[in-house]
C-alpha atoms as a PDB file:
ATOM      1  CA  MET A   1      67.621-133.545 -52.707  1.00  0.00           C
ATOM      2  CA  LYS A   2      67.081-130.759 -50.155  1.00  0.00           C
ATOM      3  CA  ILE A   3      64.407-128.179 -50.566  1.00  0.00           C
ATOM      4  CA  LYS A   4      65.623-124.726 -49.706  1.00  0.00           C
ATOM      5  CA  GLY A   5      63.353-122.259 -47.949  1.00  0.00           C
ATOM      6  CA  ARG A   6      61.843-121.546 -44.612  1.00  0.00           C
ATOM      7  CA  SER A   7      59.130-123.647 -43.139  1.00  0.00           C
ATOM      8  CA  ASP A   8      56.118-121.970 -41.497  1.00  0.00           C
ATOM      9  CA  THR A   9      56.092-124.697 -38.862  1.00  0.00           C
ATOM     10  CA  PRO A  10      57.608-123.601 -35.519  1.00  0.00           C
ATOM     11  CA  ASP A  11      60.525-125.630 -34.204  1.00  0.00           C
ATOM     12  CA  LEU A  12      59.940-128.330 -31.584  1.00  0.00           C
ATOM     13  CA  GLN A  13      61.163-126.145 -28.693  1.00  0.00           C
ATOM     14  CA  THR A  14      58.637-123.427 -29.556  1.00  0.00           C
ATOM     15  CA  GLN A  15      55.843-125.982 -29.936  1.00  0.00           C
ATOM     16  CA  LEU A  16      56.709-127.547 -26.565  1.00  0.00           C
ATOM     17  CA  GLU A  17      56.783-124.160 -24.808  1.00  0.00           C
ATOM     18  CA  SER A  18      53.437-123.275 -26.338  1.00  0.00           C
ATOM     19  CA  MET A  19      51.921-126.571 -25.213  1.00  0.00           C
ATOM     20  CA  PHE A  20      53.253-126.131 -21.643  1.00  0.00           C
ATOM     21  CA  ASP A  21      51.894-122.588 -21.555  1.00  0.00           C
ATOM     22  CA  GLN A  22      48.454-123.856 -22.570  1.00  0.00           C
ATOM     23  CA  VAL A  23      48.562-126.601 -19.904  1.00  0.00           C
ATOM     24  CA  TRP A  24      49.601-124.140 -17.175  1.00  0.00           C
ATOM     25  CA  ARG A  25      46.827-121.715 -18.135  1.00  0.00           C
ATOM     26  CA  SER A  26      44.280-124.540 -18.074  1.00  0.00           C
ATOM     27  CA  GLU A  27      45.465-125.675 -14.636  1.00  0.00           C
ATOM     28  CA  ASP A  28      45.162-122.111 -13.314  1.00  0.00           C
ATOM     29  CA  ASN A  29      41.632-121.960 -14.674  1.00  0.00           C
ATOM     30  CA  TRP A  30      40.713-125.312 -13.096  1.00  0.00           C
ATOM     31  CA  GLN A  31      42.118-124.213  -9.740  1.00  0.00           C
ATOM     32  CA  LEU A  32      40.068-121.023  -9.918  1.00  0.00           C
ATOM     33  CA  TRP A  33      36.878-122.989 -10.584  1.00  0.00           C
ATOM     34  CA  ASP A  34      37.752-125.434  -7.776  1.00  0.00           C
ATOM     35  CA  ARG A  35      38.016-122.496  -5.358  1.00  0.00           C
ATOM     36  CA  ILE A  36      34.709-121.069  -6.602  1.00  0.00           C
ATOM     37  CA  ASP A  37      33.009-124.470  -6.230  1.00  0.00           C
ATOM     38  CA  ALA A  38      34.371-124.815  -2.676  1.00  0.00           C
ATOM     39  CA  MET A  39      33.142-121.335  -1.762  1.00  0.00           C
ATOM     40  CA  VAL A  40      29.653-122.049  -3.137  1.00  0.00           C
ATOM     41  CA  ALA A  41      29.489-125.408  -1.321  1.00  0.00           C
ATOM     42  CA  ARG A  42      30.525-123.737   1.933  1.00  0.00           C
ATOM     43  CA  GLU A  43      27.856-121.057   1.497  1.00  0.00           C
ATOM     44  CA  VAL A  44      25.179-123.706   0.810  1.00  0.00           C
ATOM     45  CA  GLN A  45      26.194-125.547   4.004  1.00  0.00           C
ATOM     46  CA  ARG A  46      26.011-122.296   5.946  1.00  0.00           C
ATOM     47  CA  GLU A  47      22.516-121.565   4.598  1.00  0.00           C
ATOM     48  CA  GLN A  48      21.336-125.094   5.414  1.00  0.00           C
ATOM     49  CA  ARG A  49      22.772-124.827   8.912  1.00  0.00           C
ATOM     50  CA  ASP A  50      20.970-121.504   9.451  1.00  0.00           C
ATOM     51  CA  LEU A  51      17.654-123.096   8.452  1.00  0.00           C
ATOM     52  CA  LEU A  52      17.888-125.774  11.164  1.00  0.00           C
ATOM     53  CA  PRO A  53      15.945-125.038  14.346  1.00  0.00           C
ATOM     54  CA  ARG A  54      18.196-123.926  17.152  1.00  0.00           C
ATOM     55  CA  PRO A  55      17.892-125.629  20.529  1.00  0.00           C
ATOM     56  CA  LYS A  56      16.525-123.489  23.338  1.00  0.00           C
ATOM     57  CA  PRO A  57      19.091-122.519  25.961  1.00  0.00           C
ATOM     58  CA  ARG A  58      18.770-124.303  29.287  1.00  0.00           C
ATOM     59  CA  THR A  59      18.034-122.218  32.317  1.00  0.00           C
END
């Protein structure tokens, strides 16, 4: 026996598109944080390099 009526559950295509959208947004967010981490690491290296004593120029 079939039950007539609409289900509140989205169809599989809509669910799949929603899941892909969430994955793509998460990947964008991860890439942003990777770029921020790389920038911070580069700045730390620059600061450490600037703290090292510089050799005197030869005359």
